[in-house]
Amino acid sequence: MRRNNLRSPPLRGREILLLAGGILLTALCWGSCASPGARASGSRDTAAREARLGTGQVALDRDGEGYRLFVEGKPFYVRGVGLGPGTGYPEGMSEELKKAVDLAARSGANAIRTWSWESAPELLDYCAQKGMMVCVGLWIAHERHGFNYNDPRAVLAQRESFRPVVERLKDHPALLMWGVGNEVETEARNMRVWDAVNDVSRMIHEIDGNHPTMYVTADYFEAVALDIRRRAGDVDVIGVNSYANLPNCLAAWEESGETRPLLVTEWGPSGWWEGPVTPWGAPVEPVSGVRLEQYRDNYQALSAFPGRVLGSFAFYWGEKQERTHTWFSLLLRPGVLTEASDALAYSWTGSWPENRAPHIKAITLDGKAPEAGVRLRPGQTAEIRLDLSDREGDPLATAWVLRRETTASSIGGDAELAPPEVSLAPTASGPDRLVFEAPRESGAYRLFAQAEDGRGKAATANFPFLVE
């Protein structure tokens, strides 16, 4: 994630292809920038990594031609979610965050991933009570955020800042592994960042012989995989963030020369960079019923690689603004579960929840789909409709909210502010329809619908339109 307060998440999938001036140019030097010294140290790192197999409280070990993860001698397949204080939650170990952990555990999750360590002591304590494990993130600074990997003092200070954290937390019974960085390759030009990642991993292993280390990368790019193999050989597990491209991504890693086990560290619906946009550039978010199918299908895809994929952390168990506040949000404020969270519960346990979330199959504005690029005149009357249902027949209440379209252009999951809410002028409304007057001011807008069943479940959809 990103360095707001949860830390900076990822650049994902097709988004990387848009950065021709950044990551793709960097890729030209990947695979040719590793020095002979780096390759030699890589051989030593590989030997040390192999020697660690089968050892520790949390251990990686061979399983035929693949790997398995063990916690205190018992096989452990990761059924996890990503969350953390500061993104969708107050700072610290808040009651809201505790409720989120409770809901994840009840849904069948057994692990949580964070992107940084600041609230890890309290989170580890609480997760231990719930029988859950935690992958504690150590945020490695990104070059694109201004960090200079040619400054040896800064690099050393960063590494040493993690030493007391590892020493403090290494014996915690809820610690699963250490996440050393997240997509530091994003727009990176200085490949010494890989040396920094590897040095942090080595430092951890000097202190903590009981837990694996993991580095997280965006999707699959051959040059990146090659550089990780050459320069980050001490890392035990490769974490992979991928969304619509997940099946292809995992197939590419399977065919690569990288043999270490994988964890899918972020996955979910098709991202805003992967789907259709309106003629004025507003991304079209899949309705929650479609996102349910995407989470379910992607879980089946990652489960198709036994012995290679150790499990996964779905993104994001909380409410996170990223182009919209609902796109990746499995859990809405205040602790309302979504259709996609039902898909996770089914994937983890084999059974659907007793109470299913409401279901939105489609959304239209004056009979048109969002991809049509609907334009309204100022003050024009329009009707928005939902194809809405509820399996249990619960009475549904829908909240309709109008906002300006986001102007955010951030990448890699960096922090975004929600656009301002705009006064809505409805003339008729119900759970599945809203008749309203378009704003008097020209511009791009997005109308949000959140249908709740009164029992802690919701379905969501939104519709971008232009007033001119």
Protein backbone atom coordinates (compact mmCIF):
# COMPACT_ATOMS: atom_id res chain seq x y z
CA MET A 1 0.00 0.00 0.00
CA ARG A 2 0.99 3.57 0.28
CA ARG A 3 2.80 5.90 2.49
CA ASN A 4 -0.12 7.86 3.81
CA ASN A 5 -0.41 6.41 7.24
CA LEU A 6 -1.02 2.83 6.29
CA ARG A 7 2.04 3.23 4.07
CA SER A 8 2.21 3.44 0.33
CA PRO A 9 0.66 0.56 -1.63
CA PRO A 10 1.20 -0.53 -5.11
CA LEU A 11 1.46 0.22 -8.71
CA ARG A 12 -0.45 -2.57 -10.36
CA GLY A 13 -0.84 -4.43 -13.62
CA ARG A 14 -1.46 -2.33 -16.68
CA GLU A 15 -0.75 0.87 -14.72
CA ILE A 16 2.95 0.07 -15.00
CA LEU A 17 2.69 -0.06 -18.77
CA LEU A 18 1.60 3.57 -18.76
CA LEU A 19 4.86 4.71 -17.22
CA ALA A 20 6.97 4.52 -20.32
CA GLY A 21 9.17 7.30 -19.02
CA GLY A 22 9.57 5.59 -15.65
CA ILE A 23 9.41 1.91 -14.92
CA LEU A 24 9.81 0.66 -18.47
CA LEU A 25 12.96 2.67 -19.00
CA THR A 26 14.23 1.32 -15.71
CA ALA A 27 13.50 -2.18 -16.97
CA LEU A 28 15.97 -1.64 -19.78
CA CYS A 29 18.79 -1.71 -17.25
CA TRP A 30 17.32 -4.51 -15.13
CA GLY A 31 19.13 -7.71 -15.81
CA SER A 32 22.22 -5.83 -16.99
CA CYS A 33 22.93 -3.79 -13.86
CA ALA A 34 23.87 -6.59 -11.48
CA SER A 35 27.57 -6.57 -10.72
CA PRO A 36 29.67 -9.76 -10.41
CA GLY A 37 29.87 -9.00 -6.69
CA ALA A 38 26.10 -8.96 -6.48
CA ARG A 39 25.94 -12.33 -8.23
CA ALA A 40 28.55 -13.80 -5.89
CA SER A 41 26.75 -12.58 -2.78
CA GLY A 42 23.54 -13.89 -4.34
CA SER A 43 25.01 -17.40 -4.41
CA ARG A 44 25.87 -17.17 -0.72
CA ASP A 45 22.40 -15.84 0.05
CA THR A 46 20.79 -18.71 -1.84
CA ALA A 47 22.83 -21.25 0.11
CA ALA A 48 21.86 -19.62 3.40
CA ARG A 49 18.22 -19.54 2.36
CA GLU A 50 18.26 -23.24 1.50
CA ALA A 51 19.87 -24.01 4.86
CA ARG A 52 16.96 -22.30 6.65
CA LEU A 53 14.35 -24.64 5.13
CA GLY A 54 12.48 -26.61 7.76
CA THR A 55 13.73 -24.51 10.67
CA GLY A 56 12.01 -22.01 12.92
CA GLN A 57 8.68 -21.41 14.63
CA VAL A 58 7.32 -20.41 11.22
CA ALA A 59 9.10 -22.57 8.67
CA LEU A 60 9.24 -23.02 4.94
CA ASP A 61 9.95 -26.54 3.84
CA ARG A 62 10.03 -28.63 0.71
CA ASP A 63 6.86 -30.46 -0.24
CA GLY A 64 7.75 -32.65 -3.17
CA GLU A 65 8.78 -30.23 -5.90
CA GLY A 66 7.13 -27.30 -4.12
CA TYR A 67 6.94 -25.65 -0.71
CA ARG A 68 4.66 -25.53 2.31
CA LEU A 69 4.47 -23.09 5.19
CA PHE A 70 4.39 -24.46 8.72
CA VAL A 71 3.49 -22.72 11.99
CA GLU A 72 4.79 -24.59 15.03
CA GLY A 73 5.03 -27.73 12.93
CA LYS A 74 1.51 -27.57 11.47
CA PRO A 75 0.77 -26.77 7.80
CA PHE A 76 -0.49 -23.21 7.39
CA TYR A 77 -2.16 -21.98 4.20
CA VAL A 78 -2.55 -18.21 4.33
CA ARG A 79 -6.16 -17.00 4.13
CA GLY A 80 -5.49 -13.36 4.76
CA VAL A 81 -6.49 -9.75 4.30
CA GLY A 82 -4.55 -6.52 4.19
CA LEU A 83 -5.39 -3.75 6.64
CA GLY A 84 -3.73 -1.24 8.89
CA PRO A 85 -4.26 1.86 11.02
CA GLY A 86 -4.43 5.16 9.17
CA THR A 87 -6.24 4.02 6.03
CA GLY A 88 -9.93 3.59 6.69
CA TYR A 89 -9.21 3.45 10.42
CA PRO A 90 -8.00 5.85 13.11
CA GLU A 91 -4.35 5.68 14.08
CA GLY A 92 -3.41 3.06 16.65
CA MET A 93 -5.30 -0.04 17.77
CA SER A 94 -8.78 1.48 17.66
CA GLU A 95 -12.07 -0.22 18.48
CA GLU A 96 -12.89 0.08 14.77
CA LEU A 97 -9.75 -1.86 13.88
CA LYS A 98 -10.51 -4.51 16.50
CA LYS A 99 -13.98 -4.94 15.00
CA ALA A 100 -12.41 -5.38 11.56
CA VAL A 101 -10.10 -8.12 12.89
CA ASP A 102 -13.08 -9.81 14.54
CA LEU A 103 -15.07 -9.75 11.30
CA ALA A 104 -12.14 -11.14 9.33
CA ALA A 105 -11.71 -14.00 11.79
CA ARG A 106 -15.43 -14.78 11.74
CA SER A 107 -15.35 -14.81 7.94
CA GLY A 108 -12.62 -17.47 7.94
CA ALA A 109 -9.40 -15.47 7.67
CA ASN A 110 -6.35 -16.68 9.56
CA ALA A 111 -3.85 -13.89 8.84
CA ILE A 112 -3.42 -10.15 8.35
CA ARG A 113 -0.83 -8.24 6.38
CA THR A 114 0.32 -4.72 7.27
CA TRP A 115 2.53 -2.40 5.22
CA SER A 116 4.31 -0.88 8.21
CA TRP A 117 5.09 -1.81 11.78
CA GLU A 118 4.05 1.18 13.92
CA SER A 119 0.93 -0.41 15.45
CA ALA A 120 2.20 -3.96 15.11
CA PRO A 121 2.76 -4.68 18.83
CA GLU A 122 -0.88 -3.98 19.69
CA LEU A 123 -2.15 -5.66 16.54
CA LEU A 124 -0.10 -8.78 17.23
CA ASP A 125 -1.46 -8.95 20.77
CA TYR A 126 -5.05 -8.65 19.60
CA CYS A 127 -4.62 -11.11 16.73
CA ALA A 128 -3.10 -13.64 19.11
CA GLN A 129 -6.34 -13.54 21.10
CA LYS A 130 -8.27 -14.29 17.92
CA GLY A 131 -6.00 -17.09 16.73
CA MET A 132 -4.71 -15.05 13.77
CA MET A 133 -1.20 -14.48 12.46
CA VAL A 134 0.33 -11.23 11.20
CA CYS A 135 2.76 -10.49 8.39
CA VAL A 136 4.44 -7.35 9.76
CA GLY A 137 5.47 -4.87 7.08
CA LEU A 138 8.71 -2.92 7.18
CA TRP A 139 8.23 0.02 4.83
CA ILE A 140 11.25 0.43 2.54
CA ALA A 141 11.37 3.99 1.22
CA HIS A 142 10.70 4.56 -2.49
CA GLU A 143 12.99 6.50 -4.75
CA ARG A 144 9.91 8.15 -6.28
CA HIS A 145 9.13 9.62 -2.86
CA GLY A 146 12.57 11.24 -2.68
CA PHE A 147 14.77 8.60 -1.02
CA ASN A 148 18.36 8.54 -2.28
CA TYR A 149 19.85 5.06 -2.51
CA ASN A 150 23.21 6.60 -3.36
CA ASP A 151 23.37 7.99 0.19
CA PRO A 152 24.98 5.24 2.29
CA ARG A 153 24.17 6.99 5.57
CA ALA A 154 20.48 7.21 4.72
CA VAL A 155 20.42 3.58 3.59
CA LEU A 156 22.16 2.43 6.78
CA ALA A 157 19.86 4.54 8.96
CA GLN A 158 16.82 3.00 7.29
CA ARG A 159 18.08 -0.52 7.90
CA GLU A 160 19.03 0.19 11.50
CA SER A 161 15.64 1.76 12.21
CA PHE A 162 14.17 -1.72 11.79
CA ARG A 163 16.61 -3.46 14.16
CA PRO A 164 14.83 -2.59 17.44
CA VAL A 165 11.50 -3.50 15.84
CA VAL A 166 12.72 -6.97 14.92
CA GLU A 167 14.31 -7.45 18.32
CA ARG A 168 11.09 -6.43 20.05
CA LEU A 169 8.64 -8.49 18.00
CA LYS A 170 10.62 -11.57 16.93
CA ASP A 171 9.30 -13.80 19.71
CA HIS A 172 5.65 -12.86 19.41
CA PRO A 173 3.47 -15.97 18.89
CA ALA A 174 1.27 -14.18 16.32
CA LEU A 175 4.16 -13.13 14.05
CA LEU A 176 3.95 -14.95 10.71
CA MET A 177 6.73 -13.30 8.70
CA TRP A 178 8.40 -10.00 7.86
CA GLY A 179 7.32 -8.05 4.78
CA VAL A 180 10.45 -6.19 3.65
CA GLY A 181 9.19 -3.46 1.33
CA ASN A 182 6.34 -3.13 -1.14
CA GLU A 183 6.90 -2.43 -4.84
CA VAL A 184 10.06 -0.39 -4.38
CA GLU A 185 10.70 -0.94 -8.09
CA THR A 186 7.88 1.49 -8.90
CA GLU A 187 9.50 4.23 -11.03
CA ALA A 188 12.90 3.28 -9.57
CA ARG A 189 16.05 4.03 -11.54
CA ASN A 190 18.68 3.23 -8.92
CA MET A 191 18.92 -0.53 -8.57
CA ARG A 192 20.82 -0.24 -5.31
CA VAL A 193 17.36 -0.39 -3.77
CA TRP A 194 17.54 -4.18 -4.19
CA ASP A 195 20.77 -4.27 -2.19
CA ALA A 196 19.03 -2.31 0.56
CA VAL A 197 16.11 -4.78 0.61
CA ASN A 198 18.51 -7.70 0.78
CA ASP A 199 20.56 -6.13 3.57
CA VAL A 200 17.42 -5.64 5.67
CA SER A 201 16.50 -9.30 5.09
CA ARG A 202 19.99 -10.39 6.17
CA MET A 203 19.80 -8.25 9.27
CA ILE A 204 16.46 -9.83 10.18
CA HIS A 205 17.84 -13.33 9.79
CA GLU A 206 20.82 -12.49 12.01
CA ILE A 207 18.39 -11.53 14.78
CA ASP A 208 15.40 -13.76 14.14
CA GLY A 209 15.91 -17.36 13.10
CA ASN A 210 12.24 -18.22 13.46
CA HIS A 211 10.45 -16.28 10.73
CA PRO A 212 10.79 -15.93 6.95
CA THR A 213 11.24 -12.65 5.11
CA MET A 214 9.26 -11.58 2.06
CA TYR A 215 9.64 -8.90 -0.60
CA VAL A 216 6.52 -7.73 -2.48
CA THR A 217 6.57 -6.82 -6.17
CA ALA A 218 3.97 -5.60 -8.65
CA ASP A 219 2.59 -8.33 -10.92
CA TYR A 220 5.25 -10.04 -13.10
CA PHE A 221 7.93 -8.41 -15.21
CA GLU A 222 10.77 -10.59 -16.39
CA ALA A 223 13.47 -7.98 -15.79
CA VAL A 224 12.24 -7.33 -12.25
CA ALA A 225 12.12 -11.05 -11.48
CA LEU A 226 15.68 -11.39 -12.77
CA ASP A 227 16.94 -8.56 -10.58
CA ILE A 228 15.21 -9.99 -7.50
CA ARG A 229 16.88 -13.33 -8.18
CA ARG A 230 20.32 -11.76 -8.62
CA ARG A 231 20.28 -9.12 -5.90
CA ALA A 232 17.71 -10.14 -3.28
CA GLY A 233 18.72 -13.73 -2.74
CA ASP A 234 18.37 -13.64 1.06
CA VAL A 235 14.60 -13.08 0.86
CA ASP A 236 12.64 -16.28 1.52
CA VAL A 237 9.28 -15.56 -0.14
CA ILE A 238 8.25 -13.44 -3.13
CA GLY A 239 5.04 -11.49 -2.58
CA VAL A 240 3.01 -10.61 -5.68
CA ASN A 241 0.39 -7.86 -6.10
CA SER A 242 -1.92 -8.48 -9.05
CA TYR A 243 -5.56 -7.85 -9.91
CA ALA A 244 -7.28 -8.59 -13.23
CA ASN A 245 -4.03 -10.05 -14.52
CA LEU A 246 -3.60 -12.47 -11.60
CA PRO A 247 -3.97 -15.79 -13.53
CA ASN A 248 -1.46 -14.65 -16.17
CA CYS A 249 0.83 -13.21 -13.53
CA LEU A 250 1.04 -16.46 -11.57
CA ALA A 251 1.53 -18.48 -14.74
CA ALA A 252 4.45 -16.21 -15.66
CA TRP A 253 6.10 -16.63 -12.26
CA GLU A 254 5.61 -20.39 -12.53
CA GLU A 255 7.49 -20.41 -15.84
CA SER A 256 10.21 -18.00 -14.71
CA GLY A 257 13.60 -19.01 -13.42
CA GLU A 258 12.61 -17.86 -9.93
CA THR A 259 11.92 -20.92 -7.79
CA ARG A 260 11.07 -19.38 -4.41
CA PRO A 261 7.52 -19.76 -3.07
CA LEU A 262 4.98 -17.02 -3.70
CA LEU A 263 2.36 -15.27 -1.62
CA VAL A 264 -0.31 -13.23 -3.40
CA THR A 265 -0.08 -10.15 -1.21
CA GLU A 266 -2.70 -7.98 -2.91
CA TRP A 267 -5.51 -9.10 -5.18
CA GLY A 268 -9.13 -8.27 -5.82
CA PRO A 269 -11.32 -6.85 -8.58
CA SER A 270 -10.12 -5.38 -11.85
CA GLY A 271 -8.36 -2.13 -11.01
CA TRP A 272 -9.22 1.36 -12.18
CA TRP A 273 -6.23 1.15 -14.58
CA GLU A 274 -7.50 -2.13 -16.10
CA GLY A 275 -11.08 -1.39 -17.16
CA PRO A 276 -13.19 0.91 -19.31
CA VAL A 277 -13.26 4.70 -18.95
CA THR A 278 -15.74 7.34 -20.04
CA PRO A 279 -14.86 9.65 -22.95
CA TRP A 280 -13.71 12.24 -20.41
CA GLY A 281 -11.45 9.73 -18.65
CA ALA A 282 -13.47 8.69 -15.59
CA PRO A 283 -12.81 5.01 -14.75
CA VAL A 284 -15.87 2.76 -14.61
CA GLU A 285 -16.03 0.81 -11.36
CA PRO A 286 -17.58 -2.68 -11.51
CA VAL A 287 -20.77 -2.92 -9.42
CA SER A 288 -20.43 -4.95 -6.24
CA GLY A 289 -22.08 -8.02 -7.77
CA VAL A 290 -19.39 -8.12 -10.45
CA ARG A 291 -16.65 -7.54 -7.88
CA LEU A 292 -18.00 -10.53 -5.92
CA GLU A 293 -17.46 -12.70 -9.00
CA GLN A 294 -13.97 -11.26 -9.56
CA TYR A 295 -12.84 -12.02 -5.99
CA ARG A 296 -14.28 -15.54 -6.20
CA ASP A 297 -12.69 -16.24 -9.58
CA ASN A 298 -9.30 -14.82 -8.59
CA TYR A 299 -9.26 -16.95 -5.45
CA GLN A 300 -9.80 -20.02 -7.63
CA ALA A 301 -6.94 -18.85 -9.86
CA LEU A 302 -4.44 -18.47 -7.02
CA SER A 303 -5.51 -21.81 -5.55
CA ALA A 304 -4.46 -23.53 -8.78
CA PHE A 305 -0.75 -23.41 -7.85
CA PRO A 306 -0.32 -25.73 -4.85
CA GLY A 307 3.27 -26.03 -3.72
CA ARG A 308 4.12 -22.66 -5.26
CA VAL A 309 1.57 -20.24 -3.82
CA LEU A 310 1.47 -20.30 -0.03
CA GLY A 311 -1.82 -18.40 0.18
CA SER A 312 -2.91 -14.81 -0.13
CA PHE A 313 -3.92 -11.49 1.42
CA ALA A 314 -7.01 -9.93 -0.22
CA PHE A 315 -7.07 -6.16 -0.67
CA TYR A 316 -8.43 -4.18 1.27
CA TRP A 317 -10.18 -5.08 4.55
CA GLY A 318 -11.43 -1.57 5.24
CA GLU A 319 -12.56 1.54 3.41
CA LYS A 320 -9.87 3.05 1.21
CA GLN A 321 -10.18 5.96 -1.16
CA GLU A 322 -8.58 5.00 -4.46
CA ARG A 323 -10.41 6.77 -7.30
CA THR A 324 -13.54 5.91 -5.28
CA HIS A 325 -14.06 4.91 -1.65
CA THR A 326 -15.70 1.61 -2.61
CA TRP A 327 -13.57 0.12 -5.40
CA PHE A 328 -11.25 -2.02 -3.26
CA SER A 329 -13.14 -1.76 0.04
CA LEU A 330 -14.17 -5.17 1.36
CA LEU A 331 -15.38 -3.58 4.58
CA LEU A 332 -17.17 -0.21 4.70
CA ARG A 333 -17.48 2.17 7.62
CA PRO A 334 -18.59 1.42 10.27
CA GLY A 335 -17.86 -2.28 9.94
CA VAL A 336 -20.36 -3.05 7.14
CA LEU A 337 -19.50 -6.15 5.10
CA THR A 338 -19.87 -6.22 1.31
CA GLU A 339 -20.71 -8.67 -1.45
CA ALA A 340 -17.00 -9.22 -2.06
CA SER A 341 -16.43 -10.10 1.60
CA ASP A 342 -19.10 -12.79 1.19
CA ALA A 343 -17.09 -14.18 -1.72
CA LEU A 344 -14.01 -14.38 0.51
CA ALA A 345 -15.94 -16.12 3.29
CA TYR A 346 -17.16 -18.68 0.75
CA SER A 347 -13.66 -19.15 -0.68
CA TRP A 348 -12.10 -19.61 2.76
CA THR A 349 -14.75 -21.84 4.38
CA GLY A 350 -16.63 -23.49 1.51
CA SER A 351 -19.94 -22.03 2.75
CA TRP A 352 -21.73 -18.76 2.05
CA PRO A 353 -22.56 -16.62 5.10
CA GLU A 354 -25.98 -17.26 6.62
CA ASN A 355 -26.92 -13.67 5.82
CA ARG A 356 -25.78 -12.66 2.34
CA ALA A 357 -25.15 -9.06 1.36
CA PRO A 358 -27.64 -7.38 -0.96
CA HIS A 359 -26.83 -7.92 -4.62
CA ILE A 360 -26.39 -5.26 -7.31
CA LYS A 361 -26.17 -6.72 -10.79
CA ALA A 362 -26.12 -3.48 -12.79
CA ILE A 363 -26.60 0.28 -12.65
CA THR A 364 -28.05 2.52 -15.39
CA LEU A 365 -28.69 6.24 -15.88
CA ASP A 366 -31.63 6.99 -18.16
CA GLY A 367 -31.32 3.40 -19.36
CA LYS A 368 -27.63 3.65 -20.27
CA ALA A 369 -24.60 1.86 -18.79
CA PRO A 370 -21.70 3.85 -17.30
CA GLU A 371 -19.47 2.98 -20.27
CA ALA A 372 -21.84 4.92 -22.55
CA GLY A 373 -20.53 8.23 -21.22
CA VAL A 374 -23.80 9.91 -20.20
CA ARG A 375 -23.95 13.70 -20.55
CA LEU A 376 -26.66 15.80 -18.87
CA ARG A 377 -27.64 19.43 -19.19
CA PRO A 378 -27.48 21.60 -16.06
CA GLY A 379 -30.69 21.03 -14.09
CA GLN A 380 -31.85 18.19 -16.34
CA THR A 381 -34.04 15.55 -14.67
CA ALA A 382 -32.52 12.06 -14.85
CA GLU A 383 -33.28 8.63 -13.39
CA ILE A 384 -30.73 6.19 -12.05
CA ARG A 385 -31.72 2.56 -11.50
CA LEU A 386 -30.18 -0.42 -9.76
CA ASP A 387 -30.75 -4.08 -10.59
CA LEU A 388 -30.99 -4.79 -6.85
CA SER A 389 -32.05 -7.85 -4.88
CA ASP A 390 -31.61 -9.54 -1.50
CA ARG A 391 -31.53 -13.32 -1.09
CA GLU A 392 -33.18 -13.25 2.33
CA GLY A 393 -35.80 -10.73 1.29
CA ASP A 394 -34.59 -8.16 3.81
CA PRO A 395 -36.00 -4.66 3.43
CA LEU A 396 -33.28 -2.53 1.85
CA ALA A 397 -32.40 1.11 2.34
CA THR A 398 -30.18 2.86 -0.18
CA ALA A 399 -28.06 5.91 0.56
CA TRP A 400 -27.50 8.10 -2.53
CA VAL A 401 -24.50 10.43 -2.49
CA LEU A 402 -23.31 12.77 -5.25
CA ARG A 403 -19.65 13.81 -5.48
CA ARG A 404 -17.42 15.63 -7.87
CA GLU A 405 -15.35 13.26 -9.97
CA THR A 406 -11.89 12.74 -8.54
CA THR A 407 -8.98 14.58 -10.09
CA ALA A 408 -6.44 12.26 -8.44
CA SER A 409 -3.63 11.06 -10.66
CA SER A 410 -1.62 9.25 -7.99
CA ILE A 411 -0.06 5.86 -8.67
CA GLY A 412 1.04 2.98 -6.51
CA GLY A 413 -1.86 3.46 -4.12
CA ASP A 414 -0.54 6.75 -2.77
CA ALA A 415 -2.95 8.67 -0.54
CA GLU A 416 -5.95 10.33 -2.13
CA LEU A 417 -8.59 12.64 -0.70
CA ALA A 418 -12.23 11.87 -1.38
CA PRO A 419 -13.74 14.50 -3.69
CA PRO A 420 -16.24 16.89 -2.10
CA GLU A 421 -19.87 15.90 -1.70
CA VAL A 422 -22.35 17.87 -3.81
CA SER A 423 -25.91 18.73 -2.83
CA LEU A 424 -28.33 16.27 -4.42
CA ALA A 425 -31.78 17.34 -5.56
CA PRO A 426 -33.96 14.18 -5.67
CA THR A 427 -37.55 14.32 -6.84
CA ALA A 428 -38.29 10.62 -6.21
CA SER A 429 -36.32 7.80 -4.63
CA GLY A 430 -36.45 4.21 -3.45
CA PRO A 431 -34.06 1.36 -2.76
CA ASP A 432 -33.51 0.71 -6.48
CA ARG A 433 -34.15 4.08 -8.15
CA LEU A 434 -33.47 7.78 -7.83
CA VAL A 435 -34.91 10.61 -9.88
CA PHE A 436 -32.82 13.75 -9.50
CA GLU A 437 -31.88 17.03 -11.09
CA ALA A 438 -28.39 17.36 -12.51
CA PRO A 439 -26.17 19.96 -10.83
CA ARG A 440 -26.38 23.49 -12.20
CA GLU A 441 -22.60 23.72 -12.44
CA SER A 442 -20.85 22.07 -15.36
CA GLY A 443 -18.28 19.38 -14.70
CA ALA A 444 -17.70 15.69 -14.04
CA TYR A 445 -19.67 13.99 -11.25
CA ARG A 446 -20.20 10.53 -9.80
CA LEU A 447 -23.36 9.31 -8.08
CA PHE A 448 -22.87 6.62 -5.42
CA ALA A 449 -25.43 4.08 -4.19
CA GLN A 450 -24.99 1.99 -1.04
CA ALA A 451 -27.84 -0.45 -0.36
CA GLU A 452 -27.90 -1.92 3.17
CA ASP A 453 -29.99 -4.71 4.64
CA GLY A 454 -29.98 -3.44 8.24
CA ARG A 455 -28.00 -6.51 9.34
CA GLY A 456 -24.46 -5.35 8.64
CA LYS A 457 -24.28 -6.06 4.92
CA ALA A 458 -24.22 -3.75 1.88
CA ALA A 459 -23.99 -3.64 -1.90
CA THR A 460 -22.52 -0.68 -3.78
CA ALA A 461 -22.48 0.87 -7.24
CA ASN A 462 -21.68 4.24 -8.75
CA PHE A 463 -22.21 6.09 -12.02
CA PRO A 464 -19.94 8.75 -13.54
CA PHE A 465 -21.63 11.42 -15.67
CA LEU A 466 -20.80 14.79 -17.20
CA VAL A 467 -22.81 17.99 -16.91
CA GLU A 468 -22.28 20.39 -19.81
